Amino acid sequence: MELFVSDRLYLDHAATTPMTAGARAGVLAGMAIWANPSSPHGEGRAARRALEEARARVAAAYGWAGEVLFTGGASEALAIALGRAQVGERWASAVEHDAVWRSGSDPRLLAVDARGVVTAEALAQVAGGLACVQWCNSETGVRQPIASIAEALHAAGALLLVDASQMPAGADPEIMAHADLVAVSAHKRGGPPGVGALLVRDLSVLAPSGGQERGYRAGTENLPGVLGYAAALEEAEPVAQWARLRARLDDAVRRSGGEVVGEGAERHPAIGSYHMPGVAANAQLIRFDLGGIAVSAGSACASGSLKPSHVLRAMGWSEARTREVVRVSFGRTTSEAEVERFIAAWRGVARETRTFAA
């Protein structure tokens, strides 16, 4: 059964990206090792060996020297860190993913500037506790200066939790050197959905819950998913190619009367957020979709909401302007020709709008 029309163009990889060939093979290998990794018999021990080998592979791919706790995804990893860290007050940047605000931890806000970067003044308020700051924003692609943020937080006696679900493995050694906890996700990196991890520098900062994963997460481990995740991380992502493609797209949008969100900040090479003045994001999405192109309006978890983007609002955007922004994100297979096809579609929608307005 054909699930996707072959001539469609998928540019929503920040929401989820196709599993790599290696990841699919890893999942199948895990399905063949069907025993429970917690069982003491030979079959269980074989499954445990595969699980621990995958744990070591994930740590090596990210360059992480601490513990790796497998979870059901980055959202669960964030919830564990925010809910069970044995520290004082919780803080979070105003542009964090909705999963942070749904965690029940009720963090205090760290303000951001017009680019979406956490301000020094906001960090100066922190005194102890745990602060959650993303590696890059999933809507705008704007990256945070993790090393300097970590320095300020540690000087205040606070721990740093980084949401790195959008980060390619090995892309930022500074996180691995400075963060205390890191939430990561498989399906953003070409692995299967339903798997992620919480990287923990010192397990003593978390309250244990009993059960599996060193006693910090209950439930039989998803061995097929974990093996698929480890395999996906070992397949390099084309970061340099993404940077070239996004630079081309940025330039075309500017020249076509649009606005690049987060201009002036360091940004993820595969994520671009663009404002088309006078055209509602929903109208843009419909027109692009009719043209066979899949993009999104904000993060996938919030794009179905009628609420204005809390990310753009925190950056000082008016409510009306937030409703005119779409996100484009690349994957391993995104080509120059595909970006040119989107540029032509963008210009067509913008041209139609100007014609109707006249």
Protein backbone atom coordinates (compact mmCIF):
# COMPACT_ATOMS: atom_id res chain seq x y z
CA MET A 1 0.00 0.00 0.00
CA GLU A 2 1.44 3.36 -1.06
CA LEU A 3 1.36 5.67 1.96
CA PHE A 4 2.94 8.79 0.48
CA VAL A 5 2.59 10.27 -3.00
CA SER A 6 6.02 10.07 -4.61
CA ASP A 7 6.04 13.57 -6.08
CA ARG A 8 5.29 15.27 -2.77
CA LEU A 9 8.00 17.29 -1.07
CA TYR A 10 8.43 16.77 2.66
CA LEU A 11 10.06 19.71 4.46
CA ASP A 12 8.90 19.06 8.03
CA HIS A 13 11.82 16.98 9.32
CA ALA A 14 11.99 18.88 12.62
CA ALA A 15 8.62 17.30 13.45
CA THR A 16 9.83 13.83 12.56
CA THR A 17 12.16 12.45 9.92
CA PRO A 18 12.15 9.08 8.12
CA MET A 19 13.95 6.19 9.75
CA THR A 20 17.34 5.44 8.24
CA ALA A 21 18.11 2.05 6.70
CA GLY A 22 20.39 1.30 9.63
CA ALA A 23 17.67 2.19 12.13
CA ARG A 24 15.18 -0.12 10.44
CA ALA A 25 17.73 -2.92 10.50
CA GLY A 26 18.39 -2.23 14.17
CA VAL A 27 14.68 -2.45 15.01
CA LEU A 28 14.40 -5.78 13.19
CA ALA A 29 17.45 -7.09 15.04
CA GLY A 30 15.85 -6.07 18.32
CA MET A 31 12.65 -7.89 17.42
CA ALA A 32 14.66 -11.08 16.96
CA ILE A 33 16.02 -10.69 20.51
CA TRP A 34 12.56 -11.04 22.01
CA ALA A 35 13.41 -11.82 25.65
CA ASN A 36 12.95 -9.40 28.55
CA PRO A 37 16.32 -7.75 29.39
CA SER A 38 15.46 -8.02 33.10
CA SER A 39 15.05 -11.81 33.01
CA PRO A 40 17.91 -13.80 34.57
CA HIS A 41 17.92 -16.71 32.10
CA GLY A 42 20.17 -16.99 29.06
CA GLU A 43 17.71 -15.36 26.68
CA GLY A 44 17.20 -12.45 29.05
CA ARG A 45 20.94 -12.03 29.53
CA ALA A 46 21.43 -11.91 25.75
CA ALA A 47 18.82 -9.16 25.51
CA ARG A 48 20.50 -7.31 28.39
CA ARG A 49 23.86 -7.46 26.62
CA ALA A 50 22.32 -5.96 23.48
CA LEU A 51 20.66 -3.24 25.54
CA GLU A 52 23.85 -2.27 27.35
CA GLU A 53 25.85 -2.31 24.14
CA ALA A 54 23.27 0.06 22.62
CA ARG A 55 23.49 2.28 25.71
CA ALA A 56 27.26 2.56 25.19
CA ARG A 57 26.77 3.28 21.48
CA VAL A 58 24.31 6.11 22.20
CA ALA A 59 26.68 7.63 24.77
CA ALA A 60 29.59 7.40 22.33
CA ALA A 61 27.57 8.96 19.48
CA TYR A 62 26.73 12.00 21.61
CA GLY A 63 30.17 12.13 23.24
CA TRP A 64 28.59 11.73 26.68
CA ALA A 65 30.66 10.45 29.60
CA GLY A 66 27.78 10.11 32.11
CA GLU A 67 24.75 7.85 32.41
CA VAL A 68 22.18 7.17 29.67
CA LEU A 69 18.61 6.46 30.81
CA PHE A 70 16.34 5.31 27.98
CA THR A 71 12.86 6.87 27.92
CA GLY A 72 9.82 6.97 25.68
CA GLY A 73 11.07 10.20 24.10
CA ALA A 74 12.42 13.66 24.86
CA SER A 75 9.14 14.76 26.48
CA GLU A 76 9.40 12.01 29.07
CA ALA A 77 13.09 12.74 29.59
CA LEU A 78 12.27 16.38 30.31
CA ALA A 79 9.48 15.39 32.68
CA ILE A 80 11.79 13.07 34.63
CA ALA A 81 14.48 15.72 34.95
CA LEU A 82 12.12 18.55 35.88
CA GLY A 83 9.98 16.42 38.16
CA ARG A 84 12.58 14.38 39.99
CA ALA A 85 15.69 16.57 40.24
CA GLN A 86 16.52 16.88 43.93
CA VAL A 87 17.23 20.60 43.79
CA GLY A 88 15.32 23.79 44.56
CA GLU A 89 13.44 26.06 42.19
CA ARG A 90 12.81 25.26 38.51
CA TRP A 91 13.53 27.75 35.74
CA ALA A 92 12.97 27.59 31.97
CA SER A 93 13.56 29.91 29.05
CA ALA A 94 10.39 31.56 27.75
CA VAL A 95 10.79 29.80 24.40
CA GLU A 96 10.99 26.20 25.61
CA HIS A 97 8.99 23.42 23.97
CA ASP A 98 5.42 22.85 25.18
CA ALA A 99 6.61 19.62 26.84
CA VAL A 100 8.35 21.72 29.49
CA TRP A 101 5.15 23.59 30.36
CA ARG A 102 3.17 20.33 30.44
CA SER A 103 5.64 18.70 32.84
CA GLY A 104 3.83 19.98 35.92
CA SER A 105 7.02 21.52 37.33
CA ASP A 106 5.72 25.12 36.99
CA PRO A 107 9.11 26.69 36.19
CA ARG A 108 9.88 30.39 36.53
CA LEU A 109 10.53 32.21 33.25
CA LEU A 110 13.91 33.22 31.88
CA ALA A 111 13.33 36.07 29.42
CA VAL A 112 14.79 36.11 25.90
CA ASP A 113 15.77 38.95 23.59
CA ALA A 114 14.28 39.77 20.18
CA ARG A 115 16.35 36.99 18.60
CA GLY A 116 15.03 34.41 21.08
CA VAL A 117 18.28 34.09 23.06
CA VAL A 118 18.21 33.96 26.88
CA THR A 119 19.42 37.27 28.31
CA ALA A 120 22.21 37.78 30.82
CA GLU A 121 19.79 39.73 33.00
CA ALA A 122 17.45 36.74 33.16
CA LEU A 123 20.27 34.40 34.14
CA ALA A 124 21.33 36.81 36.88
CA GLN A 125 18.01 36.10 38.65
CA VAL A 126 18.75 32.40 39.09
CA ALA A 127 19.87 31.28 42.51
CA GLY A 128 20.23 27.50 42.76
CA GLY A 129 17.76 24.96 41.44
CA LEU A 130 17.48 23.64 37.90
CA ALA A 131 17.17 25.63 34.67
CA CYS A 132 15.94 24.17 31.37
CA VAL A 133 17.34 25.74 28.22
CA GLN A 134 17.00 24.21 24.76
CA TRP A 135 19.93 23.63 22.42
CA CYS A 136 17.88 25.16 19.63
CA ASN A 137 14.28 26.21 19.29
CA SER A 138 12.18 23.77 17.30
CA GLU A 139 10.10 26.58 15.75
CA THR A 140 12.75 29.14 14.84
CA GLY A 141 15.97 27.13 14.85
CA VAL A 142 17.60 29.76 17.09
CA ARG A 143 20.42 28.26 19.16
CA GLN A 144 21.34 29.15 22.72
CA PRO A 145 24.94 29.85 23.85
CA ILE A 146 25.06 26.79 26.08
CA ALA A 147 28.62 27.23 27.37
CA SER A 148 28.05 30.77 28.68
CA ILE A 149 24.63 29.86 30.06
CA ALA A 150 26.12 26.88 31.89
CA GLU A 151 28.87 29.07 33.33
CA ALA A 152 26.32 31.57 34.70
CA LEU A 153 24.06 28.85 36.12
CA HIS A 154 26.85 26.89 37.75
CA ALA A 155 28.19 30.09 39.32
CA ALA A 156 24.73 30.54 40.85
CA GLY A 157 24.72 26.99 42.17
CA ALA A 158 22.12 25.83 39.61
CA LEU A 159 22.05 22.78 37.36
CA LEU A 160 21.53 22.99 33.59
CA LEU A 161 19.03 20.78 31.75
CA VAL A 162 19.30 21.00 27.96
CA ASP A 163 16.58 19.95 25.54
CA ALA A 164 18.75 18.70 22.69
CA SER A 165 16.11 16.78 20.76
CA GLN A 166 16.87 18.78 17.58
CA MET A 167 20.65 18.36 17.88
CA PRO A 168 22.51 15.98 15.54
CA ALA A 169 24.72 13.60 17.48
CA GLY A 170 28.18 15.06 18.01
CA ALA A 171 27.14 18.51 16.76
CA ASP A 172 27.94 20.42 19.96
CA PRO A 173 30.65 19.15 22.32
CA GLU A 174 29.94 22.15 24.60
CA ILE A 175 26.69 20.54 25.73
CA MET A 176 28.47 17.33 26.57
CA ALA A 177 31.09 19.28 28.53
CA HIS A 178 28.80 21.66 30.42
CA ALA A 179 25.24 20.31 30.77
CA ASP A 180 24.15 18.37 33.84
CA LEU A 181 21.19 16.69 32.14
CA VAL A 182 20.31 16.40 28.45
CA ALA A 183 17.02 15.26 26.87
CA VAL A 184 17.33 13.64 23.42
CA SER A 185 14.97 11.97 20.96
CA ALA A 186 15.29 9.15 18.43
CA HIS A 187 12.67 10.08 15.83
CA LYS A 188 14.22 13.51 15.23
CA ARG A 189 17.48 11.82 14.25
CA GLY A 190 16.25 9.08 11.93
CA GLY A 191 15.46 6.54 14.63
CA PRO A 192 12.06 5.08 15.53
CA PRO A 193 9.37 7.05 17.37
CA GLY A 194 8.67 6.27 21.01
CA VAL A 195 12.30 6.23 22.11
CA GLY A 196 14.55 8.85 23.67
CA ALA A 197 16.99 9.25 26.51
CA LEU A 198 17.93 11.39 29.45
CA LEU A 199 21.67 11.87 29.69
CA VAL A 200 22.64 12.35 33.34
CA ARG A 201 26.02 13.49 34.59
CA ASP A 202 25.35 12.50 38.23
CA LEU A 203 22.48 10.14 39.06
CA SER A 204 22.42 11.37 42.65
CA VAL A 205 20.63 14.57 41.54
CA LEU A 206 17.55 12.52 40.55
CA ALA A 207 15.11 10.83 42.92
CA PRO A 208 14.84 7.15 41.89
CA SER A 209 11.44 5.67 41.09
CA GLY A 210 12.26 1.97 41.11
CA GLY A 211 11.97 -0.49 38.25
CA GLN A 212 14.19 -0.55 35.19
CA GLU A 213 16.80 1.88 33.83
CA ARG A 214 19.05 1.88 36.88
CA GLY A 215 15.91 2.26 39.00
CA TYR A 216 14.92 5.61 37.43
CA ARG A 217 12.20 4.48 35.00
CA ALA A 218 9.73 1.63 35.36
CA GLY A 219 8.71 -0.55 32.42
CA THR A 220 10.24 -3.21 30.19
CA GLU A 221 12.84 -1.62 27.94
CA ASN A 222 11.99 -1.07 24.27
CA LEU A 223 14.93 -3.06 22.94
CA PRO A 224 13.99 -2.83 19.21
CA GLY A 225 13.56 0.93 19.52
CA VAL A 226 16.80 1.36 21.42
CA LEU A 227 18.78 -0.63 18.84
CA GLY A 228 17.20 1.41 16.05
CA TYR A 229 18.10 4.63 17.88
CA ALA A 230 21.73 3.62 18.34
CA ALA A 231 22.03 2.69 14.67
CA ALA A 232 20.50 5.98 13.48
CA LEU A 233 22.96 8.04 15.54
CA GLU A 234 25.85 6.27 13.82
CA GLU A 235 24.73 7.49 10.38
CA ALA A 236 26.11 11.00 9.88
CA GLU A 237 23.76 13.88 9.13
CA PRO A 238 24.64 16.33 6.29
CA VAL A 239 25.04 19.45 8.47
CA ALA A 240 27.25 21.35 5.99
CA GLN A 241 24.81 20.68 3.14
CA TRP A 242 21.93 21.89 5.30
CA ALA A 243 23.73 25.14 6.04
CA ARG A 244 24.15 25.84 2.33
CA LEU A 245 20.52 25.02 1.57
CA ARG A 246 19.16 27.15 4.40
CA ALA A 247 21.35 30.10 3.39
CA ARG A 248 19.89 29.86 -0.11
CA LEU A 249 16.35 29.71 1.24
CA ASP A 250 16.93 32.61 3.66
CA ASP A 251 18.18 34.79 0.81
CA ALA A 252 15.27 33.89 -1.46
CA VAL A 253 12.69 34.66 1.23
CA ARG A 254 14.26 38.07 1.93
CA ARG A 255 14.31 38.90 -1.77
CA SER A 256 10.67 37.88 -2.07
CA GLY A 257 9.46 40.27 0.64
CA GLY A 258 9.49 37.81 3.52
CA GLU A 259 11.29 37.91 6.84
CA VAL A 260 13.70 35.39 8.35
CA VAL A 261 12.79 34.75 11.99
CA GLY A 262 15.73 34.88 14.40
CA GLU A 263 17.94 36.81 12.01
CA GLY A 264 21.25 37.67 13.65
CA ALA A 265 21.28 34.70 16.00
CA GLU A 266 23.12 31.42 15.53
CA ARG A 267 20.59 28.99 14.09
CA HIS A 268 20.15 25.30 13.35
CA PRO A 269 21.30 24.72 9.76
CA ALA A 270 18.25 22.57 8.97
CA ILE A 271 15.48 24.76 10.44
CA GLY A 272 14.18 28.00 8.96
CA SER A 273 11.19 30.02 10.18
CA TYR A 274 9.72 32.55 7.76
CA HIS A 275 7.20 35.39 7.96
CA MET A 276 5.05 36.12 4.91
CA PRO A 277 3.38 39.49 5.64
CA GLY A 278 -0.37 39.57 5.20
CA VAL A 279 -0.82 35.81 4.65
CA ALA A 280 -2.09 33.61 7.49
CA ALA A 281 0.07 30.59 8.21
CA ASN A 282 -2.92 28.27 7.81
CA ALA A 283 -3.58 29.69 4.35
CA GLN A 284 0.08 29.20 3.46
CA LEU A 285 0.02 25.60 4.69
CA ILE A 286 -3.06 24.82 2.63
CA ARG A 287 -1.57 26.32 -0.53
CA PHE A 288 1.74 24.58 -0.07
CA ASP A 289 0.00 21.28 0.66
CA LEU A 290 -2.16 21.60 -2.46
CA GLY A 291 1.11 22.10 -4.33
CA GLY A 292 2.46 18.87 -2.87
CA ILE A 293 4.70 20.47 -0.23
CA ALA A 294 4.58 19.66 3.49
CA VAL A 295 5.79 22.35 5.92
CA SER A 296 4.44 23.38 9.32
CA ALA A 297 3.40 26.33 11.44
CA GLY A 298 5.54 26.08 14.58
CA SER A 299 6.37 22.85 16.39
CA ALA A 300 4.31 19.78 15.54
CA CYS A 301 3.02 19.54 19.12
CA ALA A 302 1.50 23.02 18.92
CA SER A 303 0.79 23.55 15.21
CA GLY A 304 -2.81 22.34 15.51
CA SER A 305 -3.54 24.91 18.20
CA LEU A 306 -5.32 28.18 17.52
CA LYS A 307 -3.11 29.92 20.06
CA PRO A 308 -0.41 32.35 18.84
CA SER A 309 3.12 30.99 19.16
CA HIS A 310 4.41 31.54 22.71
CA VAL A 311 7.91 31.46 21.22
CA LEU A 312 7.35 34.39 18.87
CA ARG A 313 5.39 36.28 21.50
CA ALA A 314 8.33 35.93 23.91
CA MET A 315 10.53 37.40 21.17
CA GLY A 316 8.32 40.50 21.04
CA TRP A 317 6.19 39.66 18.00
CA SER A 318 2.61 40.91 17.82
CA GLU A 319 -0.11 38.28 17.89
CA ALA A 320 -1.10 39.09 14.31
CA ARG A 321 2.44 38.60 12.98
CA THR A 322 2.89 35.30 14.82
CA ARG A 323 0.00 33.92 12.77
CA GLU A 324 1.85 34.55 9.50
CA VAL A 325 4.91 32.37 10.11
CA VAL A 326 5.71 28.91 8.76
CA ARG A 327 8.61 26.58 9.49
CA VAL A 328 10.68 24.71 6.91
CA SER A 329 13.04 21.95 8.02
CA PHE A 330 15.43 19.69 6.11
CA GLY A 331 16.34 16.02 6.42
CA ARG A 332 19.11 13.74 5.23
CA THR A 333 17.71 13.51 1.69
CA THR A 334 16.71 17.16 1.13
CA SER A 335 18.23 18.36 -2.13
CA GLU A 336 18.98 21.69 -3.77
CA ALA A 337 16.28 21.02 -6.35
CA GLU A 338 13.71 20.51 -3.59
CA VAL A 339 14.64 23.79 -1.94
CA GLU A 340 14.33 25.55 -5.29
CA ARG A 341 10.88 24.00 -5.69
CA PHE A 342 9.83 25.40 -2.33
CA ILE A 343 11.24 28.83 -3.19
CA ALA A 344 9.16 28.89 -6.38
CA ALA A 345 6.07 27.92 -4.37
CA TRP A 346 6.79 30.59 -1.72
CA ARG A 347 7.11 33.26 -4.40
CA GLY A 348 3.90 32.06 -6.04
CA VAL A 349 1.88 32.35 -2.82
CA ALA A 350 3.38 35.78 -2.04
CA ARG A 351 2.65 36.99 -5.59
CA GLU A 352 -0.97 35.80 -5.45
CA THR A 353 -1.50 37.65 -2.20
CA ARG A 354 -0.14 40.91 -3.56
CA THR A 355 -2.36 40.52 -6.64
CA PHE A 356 -5.51 39.91 -4.56
CA ALA A 357 -4.65 42.81 -2.23
CA ALA A 358 -4.36 45.16 -5.18
